[in-house]
Amino acid sequence: MKQKWITGEVFESVFPLPNEVFQLGLAANDLLVYIYLQYQKGVRSGQCYPSYATIGAAVGMSRKTVQKHVQSLVDKGLIQVENTTVRWRDGRTRNGNLLYTITPIDQVLKARERELLSQLKIAEIQRKWDERVRRMAVHPRPQPEKTTTHKS
């Protein structure tokens, strides 16, 4: 089904990309690989399995560069990657393409929010500790005098 846009452009098909993706602070090439994986994913499964070479051909990157940016997306929690195997008719098993699972953006944002809150809590605890140490340095507590007893 063709869609006509306000600008008059007509497209055979379009795919949704969450606006929040642009709030994640991704590097340009990370974003490009992520958009391609979003484009390829299944609507229900959220999964796809293009090869590094296929992704690279689509976005204009080498296989190694794609591999680096895929790992960056994994590290940021935007995707998960699993190895797959292919069984040939003669019974041999070989490595297949990687299976990419796109993490729903709301889960990514919630995880980032939890991480930020955790960092804020740690910073607040550190601030309170520093204040306590500072007060102790300004007003040290008197130490009890040690008394020695002699046995006779």
N, C-alpha and C. Protein backbone atom coordinates (compact mmCIF):
# COMPACT_ATOMS: atom_id res chain seq x y z
N MET A 1 0.84 -1.18 0.00
CA MET A 1 0.00 0.00 0.00
C MET A 1 0.88 1.24 0.00
N LYS A 2 0.63 2.13 -0.92
CA LYS A 2 1.40 3.36 -1.00
C LYS A 2 0.80 4.39 -0.07
N GLN A 3 1.70 5.17 0.55
CA GLN A 3 1.25 6.24 1.42
C GLN A 3 1.69 7.56 0.81
N LYS A 4 0.79 8.53 0.79
CA LYS A 4 1.14 9.85 0.30
C LYS A 4 1.32 10.76 1.51
N TRP A 5 2.45 11.42 1.56
CA TRP A 5 2.79 12.30 2.67
C TRP A 5 2.41 13.73 2.33
N ILE A 6 2.37 14.56 3.33
CA ILE A 6 2.02 15.97 3.15
C ILE A 6 2.93 16.62 2.12
N THR A 7 4.18 16.21 2.07
CA THR A 7 5.14 16.79 1.13
C THR A 7 4.89 16.34 -0.30
N GLY A 8 3.96 15.41 -0.49
CA GLY A 8 3.66 14.92 -1.82
C GLY A 8 4.45 13.67 -2.18
N GLU A 9 5.39 13.27 -1.33
CA GLU A 9 6.17 12.07 -1.62
C GLU A 9 5.31 10.83 -1.45
N VAL A 10 5.59 9.82 -2.25
CA VAL A 10 4.86 8.57 -2.16
C VAL A 10 5.87 7.46 -1.91
N PHE A 11 5.57 6.63 -0.90
CA PHE A 11 6.45 5.53 -0.54
C PHE A 11 5.70 4.22 -0.62
N GLU A 12 6.41 3.17 -1.08
CA GLU A 12 5.83 1.84 -1.09
C GLU A 12 5.59 1.35 0.33
N SER A 13 6.60 1.52 1.16
CA SER A 13 6.45 1.08 2.55
C SER A 13 7.34 1.95 3.43
N VAL A 14 6.97 2.02 4.66
CA VAL A 14 7.74 2.75 5.67
C VAL A 14 7.85 1.86 6.91
N PHE A 15 8.76 2.19 7.79
CA PHE A 15 8.85 1.44 9.04
C PHE A 15 8.97 2.43 10.18
N PRO A 16 8.41 2.08 11.33
CA PRO A 16 8.45 3.01 12.47
C PRO A 16 9.82 3.00 13.15
N LEU A 17 10.23 4.16 13.58
CA LEU A 17 11.45 4.30 14.37
C LEU A 17 11.10 5.17 15.56
N PRO A 18 11.27 4.66 16.77
CA PRO A 18 10.88 5.44 17.94
C PRO A 18 11.67 6.76 18.02
N ASN A 19 10.97 7.85 18.30
CA ASN A 19 11.63 9.16 18.44
C ASN A 19 12.69 9.14 19.52
N GLU A 20 12.48 8.34 20.55
CA GLU A 20 13.39 8.28 21.69
C GLU A 20 14.81 7.83 21.30
N VAL A 21 14.93 7.17 20.15
CA VAL A 21 16.24 6.72 19.68
C VAL A 21 17.20 7.90 19.58
N PHE A 22 16.67 9.05 19.23
CA PHE A 22 17.53 10.22 19.04
C PHE A 22 17.90 10.88 20.36
N GLN A 23 17.36 10.41 21.45
CA GLN A 23 17.70 10.93 22.78
C GLN A 23 18.74 10.05 23.48
N LEU A 24 19.20 9.01 22.83
CA LEU A 24 20.12 8.06 23.46
C LEU A 24 21.58 8.46 23.34
N GLY A 25 21.86 9.49 22.56
CA GLY A 25 23.24 9.94 22.41
C GLY A 25 24.12 8.95 21.66
N LEU A 26 23.55 8.26 20.70
CA LEU A 26 24.32 7.28 19.93
C LEU A 26 25.24 7.99 18.94
N ALA A 27 26.40 7.40 18.71
CA ALA A 27 27.30 7.88 17.65
C ALA A 27 26.59 7.65 16.31
N ALA A 28 26.96 8.43 15.32
CA ALA A 28 26.28 8.37 14.01
C ALA A 28 26.27 6.96 13.42
N ASN A 29 27.40 6.27 13.45
CA ASN A 29 27.44 4.93 12.86
C ASN A 29 26.69 3.90 13.70
N ASP A 30 26.68 4.06 15.03
CA ASP A 30 25.85 3.19 15.87
C ASP A 30 24.39 3.37 15.48
N LEU A 31 24.00 4.62 15.31
CA LEU A 31 22.62 4.94 14.95
C LEU A 31 22.26 4.34 13.60
N LEU A 32 23.16 4.43 12.65
CA LEU A 32 22.91 3.90 11.31
C LEU A 32 22.70 2.39 11.34
N VAL A 33 23.55 1.68 12.08
CA VAL A 33 23.40 0.22 12.19
C VAL A 33 22.11 -0.11 12.92
N TYR A 34 21.80 0.63 13.99
CA TYR A 34 20.57 0.40 14.75
C TYR A 34 19.33 0.61 13.86
N ILE A 35 19.33 1.67 13.08
CA ILE A 35 18.19 1.94 12.19
C ILE A 35 18.03 0.80 11.19
N TYR A 36 19.15 0.31 10.65
CA TYR A 36 19.06 -0.80 9.70
C TYR A 36 18.47 -2.05 10.35
N LEU A 37 18.91 -2.34 11.58
CA LEU A 37 18.37 -3.51 12.28
C LEU A 37 16.88 -3.31 12.59
N GLN A 38 16.50 -2.10 12.93
CA GLN A 38 15.06 -1.80 13.14
C GLN A 38 14.28 -2.05 11.86
N TYR A 39 14.86 -1.64 10.74
CA TYR A 39 14.22 -1.82 9.43
C TYR A 39 14.05 -3.30 9.10
N GLN A 40 15.03 -4.12 9.46
CA GLN A 40 15.02 -5.54 9.12
C GLN A 40 14.21 -6.41 10.07
N LYS A 41 13.99 -5.94 11.29
CA LYS A 41 13.37 -6.81 12.30
C LYS A 41 11.94 -7.20 11.95
N GLY A 42 11.55 -8.36 12.46
CA GLY A 42 10.18 -8.81 12.31
C GLY A 42 9.28 -8.02 13.24
N VAL A 43 8.08 -7.72 12.81
CA VAL A 43 7.17 -6.90 13.60
C VAL A 43 6.82 -7.58 14.92
N ARG A 44 6.54 -8.86 14.88
CA ARG A 44 6.13 -9.57 16.09
C ARG A 44 7.33 -10.03 16.92
N SER A 45 8.35 -10.52 16.26
CA SER A 45 9.48 -11.12 16.99
C SER A 45 10.49 -10.09 17.46
N GLY A 46 10.61 -8.99 16.74
CA GLY A 46 11.65 -8.02 17.07
C GLY A 46 13.03 -8.55 16.75
N GLN A 47 13.10 -9.55 15.86
CA GLN A 47 14.37 -10.19 15.55
C GLN A 47 14.66 -10.14 14.05
N CYS A 48 15.95 -10.22 13.75
CA CYS A 48 16.39 -10.33 12.35
C CYS A 48 17.76 -10.99 12.34
N TYR A 49 18.23 -11.38 11.17
CA TYR A 49 19.51 -12.08 11.12
C TYR A 49 20.33 -11.73 9.89
N PRO A 50 20.51 -10.44 9.59
CA PRO A 50 21.40 -10.11 8.47
C PRO A 50 22.86 -10.34 8.86
N SER A 51 23.68 -10.64 7.87
CA SER A 51 25.12 -10.82 8.14
C SER A 51 25.78 -9.46 8.27
N TYR A 52 26.99 -9.45 8.84
CA TYR A 52 27.75 -8.20 8.92
C TYR A 52 27.93 -7.62 7.52
N ALA A 53 28.20 -8.49 6.54
CA ALA A 53 28.41 -8.04 5.17
C ALA A 53 27.15 -7.39 4.60
N THR A 54 25.99 -7.98 4.88
CA THR A 54 24.72 -7.42 4.39
C THR A 54 24.46 -6.05 5.00
N ILE A 55 24.68 -5.95 6.31
CA ILE A 55 24.48 -4.66 6.98
C ILE A 55 25.46 -3.64 6.40
N GLY A 56 26.71 -4.04 6.25
CA GLY A 56 27.73 -3.14 5.72
C GLY A 56 27.40 -2.64 4.33
N ALA A 57 26.91 -3.53 3.47
CA ALA A 57 26.54 -3.13 2.11
C ALA A 57 25.39 -2.13 2.13
N ALA A 58 24.47 -2.31 3.06
CA ALA A 58 23.30 -1.42 3.13
C ALA A 58 23.64 -0.04 3.68
N VAL A 59 24.60 0.03 4.61
CA VAL A 59 24.89 1.31 5.27
C VAL A 59 26.25 1.89 4.89
N GLY A 60 26.97 1.23 4.00
CA GLY A 60 28.24 1.77 3.52
C GLY A 60 29.39 1.64 4.50
N MET A 61 29.47 0.50 5.18
CA MET A 61 30.56 0.25 6.13
C MET A 61 31.20 -1.08 5.83
N SER A 62 32.44 -1.24 6.28
CA SER A 62 33.11 -2.53 6.15
C SER A 62 32.52 -3.51 7.17
N ARG A 63 32.78 -4.77 6.93
CA ARG A 63 32.30 -5.82 7.84
C ARG A 63 32.83 -5.59 9.26
N LYS A 64 34.12 -5.27 9.38
CA LYS A 64 34.73 -5.05 10.70
C LYS A 64 34.13 -3.83 11.40
N THR A 65 33.84 -2.78 10.64
CA THR A 65 33.24 -1.58 11.22
C THR A 65 31.84 -1.89 11.73
N VAL A 66 31.09 -2.65 10.95
CA VAL A 66 29.75 -3.06 11.39
C VAL A 66 29.86 -3.87 12.67
N GLN A 67 30.80 -4.79 12.72
CA GLN A 67 31.00 -5.63 13.90
C GLN A 67 31.25 -4.77 15.13
N LYS A 68 32.07 -3.74 14.98
CA LYS A 68 32.39 -2.83 16.10
C LYS A 68 31.13 -2.10 16.57
N HIS A 69 30.31 -1.64 15.64
CA HIS A 69 29.11 -0.88 16.02
C HIS A 69 28.01 -1.79 16.57
N VAL A 70 27.94 -3.02 16.10
CA VAL A 70 27.01 -3.99 16.68
C VAL A 70 27.38 -4.22 18.15
N GLN A 71 28.67 -4.40 18.42
CA GLN A 71 29.11 -4.61 19.80
C GLN A 71 28.79 -3.40 20.66
N SER A 72 28.92 -2.22 20.11
CA SER A 72 28.58 -0.99 20.84
C SER A 72 27.09 -0.98 21.20
N LEU A 73 26.24 -1.40 20.27
CA LEU A 73 24.80 -1.46 20.54
C LEU A 73 24.48 -2.51 21.61
N VAL A 74 25.20 -3.61 21.59
CA VAL A 74 25.03 -4.65 22.62
C VAL A 74 25.42 -4.08 23.98
N ASP A 75 26.57 -3.41 24.03
CA ASP A 75 27.06 -2.82 25.28
C ASP A 75 26.08 -1.79 25.84
N LYS A 76 25.37 -1.11 24.97
CA LYS A 76 24.41 -0.09 25.41
C LYS A 76 23.04 -0.68 25.72
N GLY A 77 22.88 -1.99 25.53
CA GLY A 77 21.62 -2.65 25.87
C GLY A 77 20.52 -2.48 24.84
N LEU A 78 20.86 -2.02 23.64
CA LEU A 78 19.84 -1.80 22.61
C LEU A 78 19.50 -3.07 21.85
N ILE A 79 20.45 -3.99 21.77
CA ILE A 79 20.21 -5.26 21.07
C ILE A 79 20.87 -6.39 21.84
N GLN A 80 20.41 -7.61 21.57
CA GLN A 80 21.09 -8.82 22.01
C GLN A 80 21.47 -9.58 20.76
N VAL A 81 22.58 -10.29 20.83
CA VAL A 81 23.07 -11.03 19.68
C VAL A 81 23.30 -12.48 20.09
N GLU A 82 22.81 -13.41 19.27
CA GLU A 82 23.00 -14.85 19.53
C GLU A 82 23.57 -15.51 18.28
N ASN A 83 24.44 -16.47 18.50
CA ASN A 83 24.94 -17.28 17.40
C ASN A 83 23.86 -18.26 16.96
N THR A 84 23.84 -18.57 15.69
CA THR A 84 22.90 -19.58 15.18
C THR A 84 23.70 -20.64 14.42
N THR A 85 23.10 -21.78 14.22
CA THR A 85 23.72 -22.83 13.42
C THR A 85 22.77 -23.24 12.31
N VAL A 86 23.36 -23.76 11.26
CA VAL A 86 22.59 -24.22 10.11
C VAL A 86 22.93 -25.69 9.89
N ARG A 87 21.93 -26.53 9.76
CA ARG A 87 22.15 -27.95 9.49
C ARG A 87 21.88 -28.19 8.01
N TRP A 88 22.88 -28.71 7.34
CA TRP A 88 22.78 -29.00 5.92
C TRP A 88 22.06 -30.33 5.71
N ARG A 89 21.60 -30.56 4.50
CA ARG A 89 20.86 -31.79 4.20
C ARG A 89 21.68 -33.05 4.47
N ASP A 90 23.00 -32.94 4.29
CA ASP A 90 23.85 -34.12 4.51
C ASP A 90 24.19 -34.30 6.00
N GLY A 91 23.61 -33.47 6.89
CA GLY A 91 23.80 -33.63 8.32
C GLY A 91 24.89 -32.75 8.93
N ARG A 92 25.70 -32.11 8.08
CA ARG A 92 26.74 -31.24 8.62
C ARG A 92 26.11 -30.00 9.25
N THR A 93 26.77 -29.51 10.29
CA THR A 93 26.31 -28.30 10.98
C THR A 93 27.35 -27.20 10.78
N ARG A 94 26.88 -26.01 10.47
CA ARG A 94 27.76 -24.87 10.27
C ARG A 94 27.21 -23.67 11.04
N ASN A 95 28.10 -22.71 11.27
CA ASN A 95 27.65 -21.46 11.89
C ASN A 95 26.73 -20.72 10.93
N GLY A 96 25.65 -20.17 11.46
CA GLY A 96 24.75 -19.36 10.66
C GLY A 96 25.00 -17.89 10.94
N ASN A 97 24.12 -17.06 10.44
CA ASN A 97 24.21 -15.63 10.73
C ASN A 97 23.86 -15.40 12.19
N LEU A 98 24.25 -14.26 12.69
CA LEU A 98 23.86 -13.88 14.05
C LEU A 98 22.38 -13.56 14.08
N LEU A 99 21.74 -13.85 15.19
CA LEU A 99 20.34 -13.49 15.40
C LEU A 99 20.32 -12.25 16.29
N TYR A 100 19.78 -11.17 15.76
CA TYR A 100 19.70 -9.91 16.51
C TYR A 100 18.31 -9.77 17.08
N THR A 101 18.23 -9.49 18.37
CA THR A 101 16.95 -9.20 19.01
C THR A 101 17.00 -7.75 19.46
N ILE A 102 16.08 -6.96 18.95
CA ILE A 102 16.03 -5.53 19.27
C ILE A 102 15.29 -5.38 20.60
N THR A 103 15.93 -4.75 21.57
CA THR A 103 15.30 -4.50 22.86
C THR A 103 14.28 -3.38 22.69
N PRO A 104 13.04 -3.57 23.13
CA PRO A 104 12.05 -2.49 23.01
C PRO A 104 12.58 -1.21 23.67
N ILE A 105 12.36 -0.08 23.01
CA ILE A 105 12.94 1.18 23.45
C ILE A 105 12.48 1.56 24.86
N ASP A 106 11.25 1.22 25.24
CA ASP A 106 10.80 1.56 26.59
C ASP A 106 11.62 0.80 27.64
N GLN A 107 12.02 -0.43 27.34
CA GLN A 107 12.87 -1.18 28.26
C GLN A 107 14.26 -0.55 28.36
N VAL A 108 14.78 -0.09 27.24
CA VAL A 108 16.09 0.57 27.24
C VAL A 108 16.04 1.83 28.09
N LEU A 109 14.99 2.63 27.90
CA LEU A 109 14.86 3.88 28.65
C LEU A 109 14.68 3.63 30.15
N LYS A 110 13.90 2.61 30.50
CA LYS A 110 13.71 2.27 31.91
C LYS A 110 15.02 1.81 32.55
N ALA A 111 15.79 1.01 31.82
CA ALA A 111 17.09 0.55 32.34
C ALA A 111 18.03 1.73 32.53
N ARG A 112 18.03 2.66 31.60
CA ARG A 112 18.87 3.85 31.74
C ARG A 112 18.42 4.70 32.92
N GLU A 113 17.12 4.79 33.12
CA GLU A 113 16.59 5.56 34.25
C GLU A 113 17.02 4.92 35.57
N ARG A 114 16.93 3.60 35.66
CA ARG A 114 17.36 2.90 36.87
C ARG A 114 18.85 3.13 37.12
N GLU A 115 19.65 3.06 36.08
CA GLU A 115 21.09 3.28 36.21
C GLU A 115 21.38 4.71 36.68
N LEU A 116 20.68 5.67 36.12
CA LEU A 116 20.87 7.06 36.52
C LEU A 116 20.48 7.27 37.98
N LEU A 117 19.35 6.70 38.38
CA LEU A 117 18.93 6.81 39.78
C LEU A 117 19.95 6.16 40.71
N SER A 118 20.48 5.04 40.31
CA SER A 118 21.49 4.37 41.11
C SER A 118 22.73 5.25 41.26
N GLN A 119 23.15 5.86 40.18
CA GLN A 119 24.30 6.76 40.22
C GLN A 119 24.02 7.96 41.11
N LEU A 120 22.80 8.50 41.04
CA LEU A 120 22.44 9.63 41.89
C LEU A 120 22.45 9.25 43.37
N LYS A 121 21.95 8.06 43.68
CA LYS A 121 21.95 7.59 45.06
C LYS A 121 23.38 7.44 45.57
N ILE A 122 24.24 6.87 44.76
CA ILE A 122 25.65 6.71 45.15
C ILE A 122 26.30 8.08 45.35
N ALA A 123 26.01 9.01 44.46
CA ALA A 123 26.57 10.36 44.59
C ALA A 123 26.09 11.03 45.87
N GLU A 124 24.83 10.83 46.22
CA GLU A 124 24.28 11.43 47.45
C GLU A 124 24.92 10.81 48.68
N ILE A 125 25.10 9.51 48.68
CA ILE A 125 25.77 8.84 49.81
C ILE A 125 27.20 9.35 49.94
N GLN A 126 27.89 9.49 48.81
CA GLN A 126 29.26 10.01 48.84
C GLN A 126 29.31 11.44 49.36
N ARG A 127 28.35 12.26 48.94
CA ARG A 127 28.28 13.66 49.40
C ARG A 127 28.09 13.71 50.92
N LYS A 128 27.16 12.88 51.43
CA LYS A 128 26.91 12.85 52.87
C LYS A 128 28.16 12.38 53.63
N TRP A 129 28.83 11.38 53.09
CA TRP A 129 30.04 10.89 53.74
C TRP A 129 31.13 11.97 53.77
N ASP A 130 31.32 12.64 52.64
CA ASP A 130 32.32 13.71 52.57
C ASP A 130 32.01 14.82 53.57
N GLU A 131 30.73 15.16 53.71
CA GLU A 131 30.32 16.19 54.67
C GLU A 131 30.62 15.74 56.10
N ARG A 132 30.35 14.50 56.38
CA ARG A 132 30.62 13.97 57.73
C ARG A 132 32.12 13.99 58.04
N VAL A 133 32.92 13.58 57.07
CA VAL A 133 34.37 13.59 57.24
C VAL A 133 34.86 15.02 57.44
N ARG A 134 34.32 15.95 56.67
CA ARG A 134 34.72 17.36 56.79
C ARG A 134 34.39 17.89 58.18
N ARG A 135 33.20 17.58 58.68
CA ARG A 135 32.80 18.04 60.02
C ARG A 135 33.71 17.44 61.09
N MET A 136 34.06 16.18 60.91
CA MET A 136 34.93 15.53 61.89
C MET A 136 36.32 16.16 61.89
N ALA A 137 36.79 16.59 60.74
CA ALA A 137 38.11 17.22 60.65
C ALA A 137 38.09 18.59 61.31
N VAL A 138 36.97 19.31 61.20
CA VAL A 138 36.85 20.64 61.80
C VAL A 138 36.65 20.53 63.30
N HIS A 139 35.86 19.61 63.76
CA HIS A 139 35.54 19.43 65.18
C HIS A 139 35.82 17.98 65.58
N PRO A 140 37.09 17.64 65.77
CA PRO A 140 37.37 16.25 66.13
C PRO A 140 36.82 15.92 67.52
N ARG A 141 36.39 14.70 67.65
CA ARG A 141 35.87 14.25 68.94
C ARG A 141 37.04 14.06 69.90
N PRO A 142 36.84 14.47 71.16
CA PRO A 142 37.92 14.23 72.12
C PRO A 142 38.07 12.73 72.36
N GLN A 143 39.31 12.30 72.42
CA GLN A 143 39.58 10.88 72.67
C GLN A 143 39.66 10.66 74.18
N PRO A 144 39.09 9.60 74.68
CA PRO A 144 39.20 9.34 76.13
C PRO A 144 40.65 9.07 76.49
N GLU A 145 41.00 9.56 77.67
CA GLU A 145 42.37 9.35 78.13
C GLU A 145 42.54 7.90 78.55
N LYS A 146 43.68 7.38 78.21
CA LYS A 146 43.96 6.00 78.59
C LYS A 146 44.60 6.03 79.97
N THR A 147 44.09 5.20 80.82
CA THR A 147 44.67 5.10 82.16
C THR A 147 45.28 3.72 82.29
N THR A 148 46.39 3.69 82.89
CA THR A 148 47.04 2.41 83.09
C THR A 148 46.96 2.05 84.57
N THR A 149 46.72 0.85 84.81
CA THR A 149 46.67 0.38 86.19
C THR A 149 47.84 -0.54 86.41
N HIS A 150 48.45 -0.38 87.58
CA HIS A 150 49.59 -1.23 87.94
C HIS A 150 49.14 -2.27 88.95
N LYS A 151 49.54 -3.45 88.74
CA LYS A 151 49.22 -4.51 89.70
C LYS A 151 50.31 -4.54 90.76
N SER A 152 49.94 -4.63 91.97
CA SER A 152 50.92 -4.71 93.05
C SER A 152 50.97 -6.08 93.64
